[in-house]
């Protein structure tokens, strides 16, 4: 099953959703700002993305700048920050089986569907 971690207020996330809708494939939508991701789910997504946790952080968000920027954070600290502040999670994320991509640009999604 394909899953999109989606923020309806984000243009790139909406564009990613359109790509999935036009693919004709079945998928589920997780509005991760409403349905907060737990630590295990976020760790699994990061592993599928094949990136470091810091690479999934939206570093221009005010909460990042005020509470985390410039601090010596472990991967666990960064994951905890994203769990507690889901706005920090880059979007959209599309997971298909053992693969995942961040839809920036949205065309990245075509690589795994």
Protein backbone atom coordinates (compact mmCIF):
# COMPACT_ATOMS: atom_id res chain seq x y z
CA UNK A 1 0.00 0.00 0.00
CA UNK A 2 1.22 3.47 -0.87
CA UNK A 3 0.99 6.09 1.88
CA UNK A 4 1.35 9.84 1.56
CA UNK A 5 2.14 11.86 4.66
CA UNK A 6 0.28 14.97 3.66
CA UNK A 7 -0.26 18.56 4.75
CA UNK A 8 -3.27 19.96 2.82
CA UNK A 9 -2.06 23.53 3.42
CA UNK A 10 1.24 22.89 1.59
CA UNK A 11 1.33 23.45 -2.17
CA UNK A 12 4.04 20.81 -2.76
CA UNK A 13 2.07 18.32 -0.71
CA UNK A 14 -1.08 19.02 -2.74
CA UNK A 15 0.90 18.59 -5.96
CA UNK A 16 2.20 15.26 -4.66
CA UNK A 17 -1.32 14.14 -3.86
CA UNK A 18 -2.40 15.02 -7.42
CA UNK A 19 0.39 12.81 -8.80
CA UNK A 20 -0.86 9.89 -6.71
CA UNK A 21 -4.49 10.51 -7.68
CA UNK A 22 -3.64 10.58 -11.38
CA UNK A 23 -1.57 7.37 -11.08
CA UNK A 24 -4.72 5.31 -10.59
CA UNK A 25 -3.06 3.37 -7.77
CA UNK A 26 -4.58 2.80 -4.35
CA UNK A 27 -3.07 4.84 -1.56
CA UNK A 28 -3.85 6.15 1.87
CA UNK A 29 -3.50 9.70 3.12
CA UNK A 30 -2.07 10.44 6.55
CA UNK A 31 -2.57 14.04 7.60
CA UNK A 32 0.43 13.95 9.89
CA UNK A 33 -0.34 17.30 11.53
CA UNK A 34 -3.65 15.83 12.76
CA UNK A 35 -2.49 12.22 13.26
CA UNK A 36 0.89 12.75 14.91
CA UNK A 37 3.53 10.19 14.00
CA UNK A 38 5.06 8.24 16.84
CA UNK A 39 8.79 7.70 17.23
CA UNK A 40 8.80 4.18 15.77
CA UNK A 41 6.86 5.23 12.67
CA UNK A 42 9.10 8.22 12.08
CA UNK A 43 12.24 6.08 12.50
CA UNK A 44 10.89 3.57 9.97
CA UNK A 45 10.15 6.34 7.47
CA UNK A 46 13.63 7.82 7.88
CA UNK A 47 15.17 4.38 7.35
CA UNK A 48 13.16 3.90 4.14
CA UNK A 49 14.22 7.35 2.96
CA UNK A 50 17.85 6.40 3.57
CA UNK A 51 18.66 9.78 5.12
CA UNK A 52 19.78 11.16 8.45
CA UNK A 53 17.00 12.53 10.67
CA UNK A 54 18.34 16.08 10.32
CA UNK A 55 17.74 15.85 6.55
CA UNK A 56 13.99 15.52 7.16
CA UNK A 57 13.78 18.69 9.26
CA UNK A 58 12.27 21.90 7.90
CA UNK A 59 15.01 24.16 9.19
CA UNK A 60 13.22 27.41 8.33
CA UNK A 61 10.35 26.75 10.74
CA UNK A 62 10.22 29.22 13.62
CA UNK A 63 10.15 26.43 16.23
CA UNK A 64 13.38 24.98 14.83
CA UNK A 65 15.12 28.35 14.86
CA UNK A 66 13.97 29.21 18.37
CA UNK A 67 14.33 25.86 20.13
CA UNK A 68 16.82 23.66 18.25
CA UNK A 69 19.07 25.51 15.81
CA UNK A 70 22.72 25.59 16.84
CA UNK A 71 22.31 22.96 19.56
CA UNK A 72 24.26 19.71 19.66
CA UNK A 73 21.43 17.27 18.96
CA UNK A 74 21.61 13.50 18.59
CA UNK A 75 19.52 11.67 16.01
CA UNK A 76 17.16 10.69 18.85
CA UNK A 77 16.83 14.34 19.89
CA UNK A 78 15.98 15.34 16.33
CA UNK A 79 13.39 12.57 15.97
CA UNK A 80 11.86 13.57 19.30
CA UNK A 81 11.69 17.19 18.09
CA UNK A 82 9.80 16.09 14.96
CA UNK A 83 7.44 13.85 16.95
CA UNK A 84 6.66 16.71 19.32
CA UNK A 85 6.51 19.35 16.56
CA UNK A 86 5.25 17.70 13.36
CA UNK A 87 5.49 21.02 11.51
CA UNK A 88 9.22 20.32 11.43
CA UNK A 89 8.76 17.29 9.16
CA UNK A 90 9.52 17.90 5.49
CA UNK A 91 6.58 17.13 3.23
CA UNK A 92 5.09 15.36 1.47
CA UNK A 93 6.57 11.95 2.17
CA UNK A 94 5.39 9.03 0.07
CA UNK A 95 6.07 5.47 1.20
CA UNK A 96 5.64 2.46 -1.05
CA UNK A 97 6.72 -0.81 0.54
CA UNK A 98 10.34 -0.51 1.63
CA UNK A 99 10.95 2.69 -0.33
CA UNK A 100 10.13 6.29 0.44
CA UNK A 101 10.74 9.71 -1.06
CA UNK A 102 10.23 13.29 -0.04
CA UNK A 103 8.09 14.91 -2.73
CA UNK A 104 10.33 17.93 -3.22
CA UNK A 105 10.07 18.28 -6.08
CA UNK A 106 6.74 16.44 -6.37
CA UNK A 107 8.02 14.58 -9.43
CA UNK A 108 10.20 12.49 -7.06
CA UNK A 109 7.02 10.59 -6.21
CA UNK A 110 6.87 9.12 -9.71
CA UNK A 111 10.08 7.21 -8.94
CA UNK A 112 8.39 4.88 -6.43
CA UNK A 113 4.79 4.46 -7.64
